[in-house]
Every structure is written in C-alpha cells, then in structure tokens.
Amino acid sequence: MSYDWNFPSNCYGTLTGIGEAGIETFKGTPYRSLAREICQNSMDACADKSKPVIGEFSSSRINRNNVFGERTLKKLCKPVWNIGMMEITKKRLDFLIRP
C-alpha cells in the first residue's frame, strides 16, 4: 500500500481565504483549537456511538525536510501560496510567516 497527500475537491464550492472566520478562530490558540477540532471530528465519525472515543496527543518537532511527502506537499501548496500572495495584506502575511 502506498501513501500520499490527498486534498479532495470542494466540488466547485466557495473558495475561502486566509481571512475566513474559521482561520481566525484557530490563530489565537492554534494547538487548543486543533485538538478541539480533531476531537470533534473523531466523535462525529465514531462508528459505534455506545463506545467512548479516545484521543491521544503528543508534541514533537521535525525538520521540514523530514515531513512525509514533503516534495509533493510543496508542489500541491505552491498554487495556494500564489493565490494568497495576490490577495496579501499585513494580517495575512503575519499569519503565513509566524513561527
């Protein structure tokens, strides 16, 4: 079995940018917000609602060159970055380059 990045189409739905309200929600507390979103999605997708959903989190740092499928990910993200740069504002730039 091979693994790769997959970004499903939004079926010609509305494109939202970096200033979209959902993005703003995550910016202030990214780890807390991400954990909450993951837990919510896990509970929503639970196959057996009579059993608890258990989520475990750990933190680690990796070199960006060691990210799974790094070349593919860069290739897929480049068009998004280019679109974002056409609509750049200081607020968006701060979000994109923050550590």
PDB file of N, CA and C in Angstrom:
ATOM      1  N   MET A   1       0.854  -1.178   0.000  1.00  0.00           N
ATOM      2  CA  MET A   1       0.000   0.000   0.000  1.00  0.00           C
ATOM      3  C   MET A   1       0.901   1.242   0.000  1.00  0.00           C
ATOM      4  N   SER A   2       0.583   2.200  -0.847  1.00  0.00           N
ATOM      5  CA  SER A   2       1.364   3.432  -0.844  1.00  0.00           C
ATOM      6  C   SER A   2       0.525   4.567  -0.255  1.00  0.00           C
ATOM      7  N   TYR A   3       1.203   5.529   0.326  1.00  0.00           N
ATOM      8  CA  TYR A   3       0.543   6.665   0.957  1.00  0.00           C
ATOM      9  C   TYR A   3       0.968   7.946   0.256  1.00  0.00           C
ATOM     10  N   ASP A   4       0.068   8.906   0.226  1.00  0.00           N
ATOM     11  CA  ASP A   4       0.395  10.199  -0.357  1.00  0.00           C
ATOM     12  C   ASP A   4      -0.594  11.220   0.171  1.00  0.00           C
ATOM     13  N   TRP A   5      -0.331  12.479  -0.069  1.00  0.00           N
ATOM     14  CA  TRP A   5      -1.224  13.559   0.333  1.00  0.00           C
ATOM     15  C   TRP A   5      -2.444  13.560  -0.571  1.00  0.00           C
ATOM     16  N   ASN A   6      -3.608  13.856   0.001  1.00  0.00           N
ATOM     17  CA  ASN A   6      -4.842  13.919  -0.768  1.00  0.00           C
ATOM     18  C   ASN A   6      -5.659  15.112  -0.285  1.00  0.00           C
ATOM     19  N   PHE A   7      -5.953  16.017  -1.185  1.00  0.00           N
ATOM     20  CA  PHE A   7      -6.779  17.178  -0.872  1.00  0.00           C
ATOM     21  C   PHE A   7      -8.013  17.114  -1.752  1.00  0.00           C
ATOM     22  N   PRO A   8      -9.124  16.603  -1.210  1.00  0.00           N
ATOM     23  CA  PRO A   8     -10.328  16.435  -2.027  1.00  0.00           C
ATOM     24  C   PRO A   8     -10.855  17.767  -2.556  1.00  0.00           C
ATOM     25  N   SER A   9     -11.487  17.691  -3.679  1.00  0.00           N
ATOM     26  CA  SER A   9     -12.110  18.862  -4.287  1.00  0.00           C
ATOM     27  C   SER A   9     -13.257  19.351  -3.415  1.00  0.00           C
ATOM     28  N   ASN A  10     -13.531  20.632  -3.460  1.00  0.00           N
ATOM     29  CA  ASN A  10     -14.708  21.147  -2.735  1.00  0.00           C
ATOM     30  C   ASN A  10     -15.917  21.219  -3.676  1.00  0.00           C
ATOM     31  N   CYS A  11     -15.820  20.497  -4.809  1.00  0.00           N
ATOM     32  CA  CYS A  11     -16.916  20.388  -5.784  1.00  0.00           C
ATOM     33  C   CYS A  11     -17.432  21.751  -6.237  1.00  0.00           C
ATOM     34  N   TYR A  12     -16.510  22.617  -6.572  1.00  0.00           N
ATOM     35  CA  TYR A  12     -16.814  23.958  -7.078  1.00  0.00           C
ATOM     36  C   TYR A  12     -17.526  24.826  -6.050  1.00  0.00           C
ATOM     37  N   GLY A  13     -17.341  24.489  -4.771  1.00  0.00           N
ATOM     38  CA  GLY A  13     -17.906  25.311  -3.704  1.00  0.00           C
ATOM     39  C   GLY A  13     -17.145  26.625  -3.581  1.00  0.00           C
ATOM     40  N   THR A  14     -17.585  27.445  -2.668  1.00  0.00           N
ATOM     41  CA  THR A  14     -16.964  28.742  -2.468  1.00  0.00           C
ATOM     42  C   THR A  14     -15.555  28.577  -1.917  1.00  0.00           C
ATOM     43  N   LEU A  15     -14.606  29.265  -2.536  1.00  0.00           N
ATOM     44  CA  LEU A  15     -13.243  29.262  -2.027  1.00  0.00           C
ATOM     45  C   LEU A  15     -13.156  30.276  -0.896  1.00  0.00           C
ATOM     46  N   THR A  16     -12.528  29.868   0.189  1.00  0.00           N
ATOM     47  CA  THR A  16     -12.329  30.796   1.298  1.00  0.00           C
ATOM     48  C   THR A  16     -10.847  31.043   1.453  1.00  0.00           C
ATOM     49  N   GLY A  17     -10.522  32.219   1.868  1.00  0.00           N
ATOM     50  CA  GLY A  17      -9.126  32.597   2.005  1.00  0.00           C
ATOM     51  C   GLY A  17      -8.664  32.572   3.441  1.00  0.00           C
ATOM     52  N   ILE A  18      -7.473  33.087   3.638  1.00  0.00           N
ATOM     53  CA  ILE A  18      -6.850  33.061   4.940  1.00  0.00           C
ATOM     54  C   ILE A  18      -7.541  33.973   5.944  1.00  0.00           C
ATOM     55  N   GLY A  19      -8.333  34.922   5.478  1.00  0.00           N
ATOM     56  CA  GLY A  19      -9.055  35.807   6.372  1.00  0.00           C
ATOM     57  C   GLY A  19     -10.411  35.249   6.793  1.00  0.00           C
ATOM     58  N   GLU A  20     -10.736  34.057   6.355  1.00  0.00           N
ATOM     59  CA  GLU A  20     -12.021  33.434   6.667  1.00  0.00           C
ATOM     60  C   GLU A  20     -12.144  33.234   8.174  1.00  0.00           C
ATOM     61  N   ALA A  21     -13.343  33.319   8.694  1.00  0.00           N
ATOM     62  CA  ALA A  21     -13.584  33.287  10.141  1.00  0.00           C
ATOM     63  C   ALA A  21     -13.015  32.038  10.805  1.00  0.00           C
ATOM     64  N   GLY A  22     -13.100  30.899  10.162  1.00  0.00           N
ATOM     65  CA  GLY A  22     -12.568  29.669  10.745  1.00  0.00           C
ATOM     66  C   GLY A  22     -11.074  29.734  10.968  1.00  0.00           C
ATOM     67  N   ILE A  23     -10.365  30.353  10.043  1.00  0.00           N
ATOM     68  CA  ILE A  23      -8.916  30.512  10.179  1.00  0.00           C
ATOM     69  C   ILE A  23      -8.614  31.432  11.358  1.00  0.00           C
ATOM     70  N   GLU A  24      -9.361  32.514  11.464  1.00  0.00           N
ATOM     71  CA  GLU A  24      -9.164  33.456  12.567  1.00  0.00           C
ATOM     72  C   GLU A  24      -9.375  32.774  13.914  1.00  0.00           C
ATOM     73  N   THR A  25     -10.333  31.862  13.979  1.00  0.00           N
ATOM     74  CA  THR A  25     -10.608  31.139  15.222  1.00  0.00           C
ATOM     75  C   THR A  25      -9.387  30.354  15.672  1.00  0.00           C
ATOM     76  N   PHE A  26      -8.691  29.739  14.740  1.00  0.00           N
ATOM     77  CA  PHE A  26      -7.538  28.916  15.068  1.00  0.00           C
ATOM     78  C   PHE A  26      -6.294  29.738  15.383  1.00  0.00           C
ATOM     79  N   LYS A  27      -6.208  30.952  14.899  1.00  0.00           N
ATOM     80  CA  LYS A  27      -4.977  31.711  15.023  1.00  0.00           C
ATOM     81  C   LYS A  27      -4.592  32.011  16.468  1.00  0.00           C
ATOM     82  N   GLY A  28      -5.540  32.394  17.298  1.00  0.00           N
ATOM     83  CA  GLY A  28      -5.223  32.783  18.664  1.00  0.00           C
ATOM     84  C   GLY A  28      -4.710  31.645  19.519  1.00  0.00           C
ATOM     85  N   THR A  29      -5.276  30.467  19.365  1.00  0.00           N
ATOM     86  CA  THR A  29      -4.895  29.287  20.147  1.00  0.00           C
ATOM     87  C   THR A  29      -4.808  28.084  19.210  1.00  0.00           C
ATOM     88  N   PRO A  30      -3.790  28.040  18.355  1.00  0.00           N
ATOM     89  CA  PRO A  30      -3.765  27.009  17.313  1.00  0.00           C
ATOM     90  C   PRO A  30      -3.764  25.577  17.836  1.00  0.00           C
ATOM     91  N   TYR A  31      -3.002  25.266  18.881  1.00  0.00           N
ATOM     92  CA  TYR A  31      -2.939  23.885  19.370  1.00  0.00           C
ATOM     93  C   TYR A  31      -4.242  23.482  20.049  1.00  0.00           C
ATOM     94  N   ARG A  32      -4.762  24.357  20.871  1.00  0.00           N
ATOM     95  CA  ARG A  32      -6.035  24.072  21.548  1.00  0.00           C
ATOM     96  C   ARG A  32      -7.161  23.917  20.525  1.00  0.00           C
ATOM     97  N   SER A  33      -7.185  24.832  19.562  1.00  0.00           N
ATOM     98  CA  SER A  33      -8.236  24.786  18.543  1.00  0.00           C
ATOM     99  C   SER A  33      -8.124  23.536  17.683  1.00  0.00           C
ATOM    100  N   LEU A  34      -6.899  23.177  17.326  1.00  0.00           N
ATOM    101  CA  LEU A  34      -6.691  21.982  16.508  1.00  0.00           C
ATOM    102  C   LEU A  34      -7.094  20.724  17.277  1.00  0.00           C
ATOM    103  N   ALA A  35      -6.722  20.648  18.561  1.00  0.00           N
ATOM    104  CA  ALA A  35      -7.101  19.496  19.378  1.00  0.00           C
ATOM    105  C   ALA A  35      -8.622  19.399  19.483  1.00  0.00           C
ATOM    106  N   ARG A  36      -9.271  20.529  19.688  1.00  0.00           N
ATOM    107  CA  ARG A  36     -10.735  20.525  19.795  1.00  0.00           C
ATOM    108  C   ARG A  36     -11.372  20.055  18.485  1.00  0.00           C
ATOM    109  N   GLU A  37     -10.873  20.546  17.369  1.00  0.00           N
ATOM    110  CA  GLU A  37     -11.412  20.170  16.058  1.00  0.00           C
ATOM    111  C   GLU A  37     -11.218  18.679  15.790  1.00  0.00           C
ATOM    112  N   ILE A  38     -10.030  18.162  16.120  1.00  0.00           N
ATOM    113  CA  ILE A  38      -9.742  16.741  15.921  1.00  0.00           C
ATOM    114  C   ILE A  38     -10.673  15.890  16.771  1.00  0.00           C
ATOM    115  N   CYS A  39     -10.853  16.280  18.036  1.00  0.00           N
ATOM    116  CA  CYS A  39     -11.747  15.524  18.924  1.00  0.00           C
ATOM    117  C   CYS A  39     -13.182  15.563  18.406  1.00  0.00           C
ATOM    118  N   GLN A  40     -13.634  16.735  17.979  1.00  0.00           N
ATOM    119  CA  GLN A  40     -14.997  16.855  17.473  1.00  0.00           C
ATOM    120  C   GLN A  40     -15.202  15.994  16.227  1.00  0.00           C
ATOM    121  N   ASN A  41     -14.239  16.044  15.314  1.00  0.00           N
ATOM    122  CA  ASN A  41     -14.340  15.228  14.096  1.00  0.00           C
ATOM    123  C   ASN A  41     -14.325  13.739  14.439  1.00  0.00           C
ATOM    124  N   SER A  42     -13.515  13.348  15.418  1.00  0.00           N
ATOM    125  CA  SER A  42     -13.445  11.940  15.824  1.00  0.00           C
ATOM    126  C   SER A  42     -14.769  11.480  16.418  1.00  0.00           C
ATOM    127  N   MET A  43     -15.373  12.314  17.259  1.00  0.00           N
ATOM    128  CA  MET A  43     -16.664  11.952  17.851  1.00  0.00           C
ATOM    129  C   MET A  43     -17.748  11.878  16.779  1.00  0.00           C
ATOM    130  N   ASP A  44     -17.712  12.799  15.822  1.00  0.00           N
ATOM    131  CA  ASP A  44     -18.701  12.792  14.742  1.00  0.00           C
ATOM    132  C   ASP A  44     -18.578  11.552  13.861  1.00  0.00           C
ATOM    133  N   ALA A  45     -17.340  11.054  13.683  1.00  0.00           N
ATOM    134  CA  ALA A  45     -17.095   9.935  12.779  1.00  0.00           C
ATOM    135  C   ALA A  45     -17.108   8.584  13.488  1.00  0.00           C
ATOM    136  N   CYS A  46     -17.358   8.578  14.780  1.00  0.00           N
ATOM    137  CA  CYS A  46     -17.342   7.342  15.567  1.00  0.00           C
ATOM    138  C   CYS A  46     -18.335   6.322  14.993  1.00  0.00           C
ATOM    139  N   ALA A  47     -17.856   5.111  14.748  1.00  0.00           N
ATOM    140  CA  ALA A  47     -18.702   4.067  14.164  1.00  0.00           C
ATOM    141  C   ALA A  47     -19.696   3.505  15.180  1.00  0.00           C
ATOM    142  N   ASP A  48     -19.272   3.419  16.438  1.00  0.00           N
ATOM    143  CA  ASP A  48     -20.133   2.844  17.474  1.00  0.00           C
ATOM    144  C   ASP A  48     -20.332   3.891  18.567  1.00  0.00           C
ATOM    145  N   LYS A  49     -21.460   4.568  18.523  1.00  0.00           N
ATOM    146  CA  LYS A  49     -21.732   5.667  19.455  1.00  0.00           C
ATOM    147  C   LYS A  49     -21.852   5.211  20.907  1.00  0.00           C
ATOM    148  N   SER A  50     -21.949   3.899  21.148  1.00  0.00           N
ATOM    149  CA  SER A  50     -22.048   3.410  22.525  1.00  0.00           C
ATOM    150  C   SER A  50     -20.670   3.265  23.176  1.00  0.00           C
ATOM    151  N   LYS A  51     -19.606   3.421  22.394  1.00  0.00           N
ATOM    152  CA  LYS A  51     -18.242   3.304  22.922  1.00  0.00           C
ATOM    153  C   LYS A  51     -17.581   4.680  22.947  1.00  0.00           C
ATOM    154  N   PRO A  52     -16.726   4.904  23.926  1.00  0.00           N
ATOM    155  CA  PRO A  52     -16.062   6.212  24.011  1.00  0.00           C
ATOM    156  C   PRO A  52     -15.035   6.397  22.894  1.00  0.00           C
ATOM    157  N   VAL A  53     -14.802   7.628  22.537  1.00  0.00           N
ATOM    158  CA  VAL A  53     -13.741   7.980  21.594  1.00  0.00           C
ATOM    159  C   VAL A  53     -12.549   8.425  22.425  1.00  0.00           C
ATOM    160  N   ILE A  54     -11.405   7.858  22.158  1.00  0.00           N
ATOM    161  CA  ILE A  54     -10.199   8.203  22.915  1.00  0.00           C
ATOM    162  C   ILE A  54      -9.227   8.895  21.974  1.00  0.00           C
ATOM    163  N   GLY A  55      -8.813  10.089  22.356  1.00  0.00           N
ATOM    164  CA  GLY A  55      -7.836  10.837  21.574  1.00  0.00           C
ATOM    165  C   GLY A  55      -6.562  11.004  22.372  1.00  0.00           C
ATOM    166  N   GLU A  56      -5.432  10.748  21.757  1.00  0.00           N
ATOM    167  CA  GLU A  56      -4.135  10.929  22.409  1.00  0.00           C
ATOM    168  C   GLU A  56      -3.318  11.895  21.585  1.00  0.00           C
ATOM    169  N   PHE A  57      -2.668  12.819  22.266  1.00  0.00           N
ATOM    170  CA  PHE A  57      -1.844  13.827  21.603  1.00  0.00           C
ATOM    171  C   PHE A  57      -0.448  13.814  22.187  1.00  0.00           C
ATOM    172  N   SER A  58       0.512  14.076  21.348  1.00  0.00           N
ATOM    173  CA  SER A  58       1.887  14.272  21.801  1.00  0.00           C
ATOM    174  C   SER A  58       2.501  15.361  20.930  1.00  0.00           C
ATOM    175  N   SER A  59       3.535  15.935  21.415  1.00  0.00           N
ATOM    176  CA  SER A  59       4.177  17.033  20.704  1.00  0.00           C
ATOM    177  C   SER A  59       5.601  16.643  20.330  1.00  0.00           C
ATOM    178  N   SER A  60       6.004  16.990  19.124  1.00  0.00           N
ATOM    179  CA  SER A  60       7.378  16.745  18.684  1.00  0.00           C
ATOM    180  C   SER A  60       7.737  17.752  17.599  1.00  0.00           C
ATOM    181  N   ARG A  61       8.995  17.893  17.381  1.00  0.00           N
ATOM    182  CA  ARG A  61       9.479  18.783  16.317  1.00  0.00           C
ATOM    183  C   ARG A  61      10.214  17.936  15.284  1.00  0.00           C
ATOM    184  N   ILE A  62       9.945  18.243  14.021  1.00  0.00           N
ATOM    185  CA  ILE A  62      10.667  17.555  12.957  1.00  0.00           C
ATOM    186  C   ILE A  62      11.161  18.590  11.952  1.00  0.00           C
ATOM    187  N   ASN A  63      12.231  18.250  11.298  1.00  0.00           N
ATOM    188  CA  ASN A  63      12.770  19.089  10.241  1.00  0.00           C
ATOM    189  C   ASN A  63      11.810  19.054   9.061  1.00  0.00           C
ATOM    190  N   ARG A  64      11.566  20.198   8.443  1.00  0.00           N
ATOM    191  CA  ARG A  64      10.601  20.219   7.335  1.00  0.00           C
ATOM    192  C   ARG A  64      10.988  19.277   6.201  1.00  0.00           C
ATOM    193  N   ASN A  65      12.267  18.981   6.048  1.00  0.00           N
ATOM    194  CA  ASN A  65      12.688  18.038   5.002  1.00  0.00           C
ATOM    195  C   ASN A  65      12.313  16.600   5.336  1.00  0.00           C
ATOM    196  N   ASN A  66      11.917  16.354   6.589  1.00  0.00           N
ATOM    197  CA  ASN A  66      11.507  15.013   7.007  1.00  0.00           C
ATOM    198  C   ASN A  66       9.994  14.857   7.061  1.00  0.00           C
ATOM    199  N   VAL A  67       9.248  15.839   6.613  1.00  0.00           N
ATOM    200  CA  VAL A  67       7.799  15.738   6.577  1.00  0.00           C
ATOM    201  C   VAL A  67       7.419  14.723   5.498  1.00  0.00           C
ATOM    202  N   PHE A  68       6.498  13.831   5.827  1.00  0.00           N
ATOM    203  CA  PHE A  68       6.064  12.825   4.859  1.00  0.00           C
ATOM    204  C   PHE A  68       5.622  13.498   3.554  1.00  0.00           C
ATOM    205  N   GLY A  69       6.125  13.037   2.454  1.00  0.00           N
ATOM    206  CA  GLY A  69       5.721  13.554   1.146  1.00  0.00           C
ATOM    207  C   GLY A  69       6.034  15.024   0.958  1.00  0.00           C
ATOM    208  N   GLU A  70       7.129  15.492   1.529  1.00  0.00           N
ATOM    209  CA  GLU A  70       7.479  16.918   1.533  1.00  0.00           C
ATOM    210  C   GLU A  70       7.486  17.526   0.124  1.00  0.00           C
ATOM    211  N   ARG A  71       8.057  16.830  -0.835  1.00  0.00           N
ATOM    212  CA  ARG A  71       8.108  17.371  -2.212  1.00  0.00           C
ATOM    213  C   ARG A  71       6.705  17.498  -2.801  1.00  0.00           C
ATOM    214  N   THR A  72       5.892  16.463  -2.625  1.00  0.00           N
ATOM    215  CA  THR A  72       4.511  16.501  -3.121  1.00  0.00           C
ATOM    216  C   THR A  72       3.731  17.610  -2.436  1.00  0.00           C
ATOM    217  N   LEU A  73       3.893  17.725  -1.120  1.00  0.00           N
ATOM    218  CA  LEU A  73       3.183  18.743  -0.363  1.00  0.00           C
ATOM    219  C   LEU A  73       3.552  20.147  -0.842  1.00  0.00           C
ATOM    220  N   LYS A  74       4.838  20.392  -1.054  1.00  0.00           N
ATOM    221  CA  LYS A  74       5.272  21.693  -1.573  1.00  0.00           C
ATOM    222  C   LYS A  74       4.643  21.973  -2.937  1.00  0.00           C
ATOM    223  N   LYS A  75       4.664  20.964  -3.796  1.00  0.00           N
ATOM    224  CA  LYS A  75       4.109  21.109  -5.144  1.00  0.00           C
ATOM    225  C   LYS A  75       2.618  21.440  -5.090  1.00  0.00           C
ATOM    226  N   LEU A  76       1.878  20.759  -4.190  1.00  0.00           N
ATOM    227  CA  LEU A  76       0.445  20.989  -4.070  1.00  0.00           C
ATOM    228  C   LEU A  76       0.118  22.333  -3.424  1.00  0.00           C
ATOM    229  N   CYS A  77       0.964  22.794  -2.529  1.00  0.00           N
ATOM    230  CA  CYS A  77       0.693  24.043  -1.806  1.00  0.00           C
ATOM    231  C   CYS A  77       1.115  25.287  -2.579  1.00  0.00           C
ATOM    232  N   LYS A  78       2.002  25.136  -3.551  1.00  0.00           N
ATOM    233  CA  LYS A  78       2.501  26.304  -4.286  1.00  0.00           C
ATOM    234  C   LYS A  78       1.391  27.125  -4.946  1.00  0.00           C
ATOM    235  N   PRO A  79       0.434  26.511  -5.655  1.00  0.00           N
ATOM    236  CA  PRO A  79      -0.648  27.322  -6.254  1.00  0.00           C
ATOM    237  C   PRO A  79      -1.465  28.068  -5.203  1.00  0.00           C
ATOM    238  N   VAL A  80      -1.668  27.445  -4.049  1.00  0.00           N
ATOM    239  CA  VAL A  80      -2.420  28.095  -2.977  1.00  0.00           C
ATOM    240  C   VAL A  80      -1.643  29.294  -2.461  1.00  0.00           C
ATOM    241  N   TRP A  81      -0.343  29.120  -2.277  1.00  0.00           N
ATOM    242  CA  TRP A  81       0.517  30.221  -1.839  1.00  0.00           C
ATOM    243  C   TRP A  81       0.455  31.370  -2.850  1.00  0.00           C
ATOM    244  N   ASN A  82       0.528  31.031  -4.136  1.00  0.00           N
ATOM    245  CA  ASN A  82       0.498  32.069  -5.171  1.00  0.00           C
ATOM    246  C   ASN A  82      -0.818  32.847  -5.167  1.00  0.00           C
ATOM    247  N   ILE A  83      -1.935  32.146  -4.977  1.00  0.00           N
ATOM    248  CA  ILE A  83      -3.228  32.826  -4.886  1.00  0.00           C
ATOM    249  C   ILE A  83      -3.236  33.739  -3.673  1.00  0.00           C
ATOM    250  N   GLY A  84      -2.737  33.223  -2.554  1.00  0.00           N
ATOM    251  CA  GLY A  84      -2.683  34.018  -1.333  1.00  0.00           C
ATOM    252  C   GLY A  84      -1.837  35.262  -1.502  1.00  0.00           C
ATOM    253  N   MET A  85      -0.747  35.161  -2.238  1.00  0.00           N
ATOM    254  CA  MET A  85       0.136  36.318  -2.423  1.00  0.00           C
ATOM    255  C   MET A  85      -0.544  37.397  -3.262  1.00  0.00           C
ATOM    256  N   MET A  86      -1.474  37.004  -4.124  1.00  0.00           N
ATOM    257  CA  MET A  86      -2.194  38.005  -4.914  1.00  0.00           C
ATOM    258  C   MET A  86      -3.134  38.821  -4.038  1.00  0.00           C
ATOM    259  N   GLU A  87      -3.565  38.254  -2.914  1.00  0.00           N
ATOM    260  CA  GLU A  87      -4.510  38.920  -2.022  1.00  0.00           C
ATOM    261  C   GLU A  87      -3.845  39.322  -0.708  1.00  0.00           C
ATOM    262  N   ILE A  88      -2.514  39.487  -0.719  1.00  0.00           N
ATOM    263  CA  ILE A  88      -1.776  39.658   0.530  1.00  0.00           C
ATOM    264  C   ILE A  88      -2.092  40.980   1.237  1.00  0.00           C
ATOM    265  N   THR A  89      -2.203  40.880   2.527  1.00  0.00           N
ATOM    266  CA  THR A  89      -2.334  42.043   3.391  1.00  0.00           C
ATOM    267  C   THR A  89      -1.384  41.793   4.554  1.00  0.00           C
ATOM    268  N   LYS A  90      -1.121  42.788   5.365  1.00  0.00           N
ATOM    269  CA  LYS A  90      -0.231  42.587   6.507  1.00  0.00           C
ATOM    270  C   LYS A  90      -0.763  41.496   7.424  1.00  0.00           C
ATOM    271  N   LYS A  91      -2.051  41.492   7.669  1.00  0.00           N
ATOM    272  CA  LYS A  91      -2.667  40.490   8.534  1.00  0.00           C
ATOM    273  C   LYS A  91      -2.421  39.083   7.991  1.00  0.00           C
ATOM    274  N   ARG A  92      -2.607  38.906   6.714  1.00  0.00           N
ATOM    275  CA  ARG A  92      -2.406  37.593   6.102  1.00  0.00           C
ATOM    276  C   ARG A  92      -0.939  37.210   6.114  1.00  0.00           C
ATOM    277  N   LEU A  93      -0.063  38.164   5.832  1.00  0.00           N
ATOM    278  CA  LEU A  93       1.366  37.887   5.834  1.00  0.00           C
ATOM    279  C   LEU A  93       1.820  37.456   7.222  1.00  0.00           C
ATOM    280  N   ASP A  94       1.348  38.146   8.253  1.00  0.00           N
ATOM    281  CA  ASP A  94       1.697  37.777   9.625  1.00  0.00           C
ATOM    282  C   ASP A  94       1.277  36.337   9.920  1.00  0.00           C
ATOM    283  N   PHE A  95       0.101  35.937   9.441  1.00  0.00           N
ATOM    284  CA  PHE A  95      -0.381  34.579   9.668  1.00  0.00           C
ATOM    285  C   PHE A  95       0.503  33.567   8.940  1.00  0.00           C
ATOM    286  N   LEU A  96       0.877  33.857   7.711  1.00  0.00           N
ATOM    287  CA  LEU A  96       1.634  32.919   6.896  1.00  0.00           C
ATOM    288  C   LEU A  96       3.053  32.708   7.393  1.00  0.00           C
ATOM    289  N   ILE A  97       3.676  33.744   7.939  1.00  0.00           N
ATOM    290  CA  ILE A  97       5.091  33.623   8.294  1.00  0.00           C
ATOM    291  C   ILE A  97       5.343  33.489   9.784  1.00  0.00           C
ATOM    292  N   ARG A  98       4.279  33.458  10.589  1.00  0.00           N
ATOM    293  CA  ARG A  98       4.519  33.327  12.030  1.00  0.00           C
ATOM    294  C   ARG A  98       5.183  31.988  12.313  1.00  0.00           C
ATOM    295  N   PRO A  99       6.050  31.918  13.335  1.00  0.00           N
ATOM    296  CA  PRO A  99       6.766  30.667  13.635  1.00  0.00           C
ATOM    297  C   PRO A  99       5.837  29.586  14.122  1.00  0.00           C
TER     298      PRO A  99
END
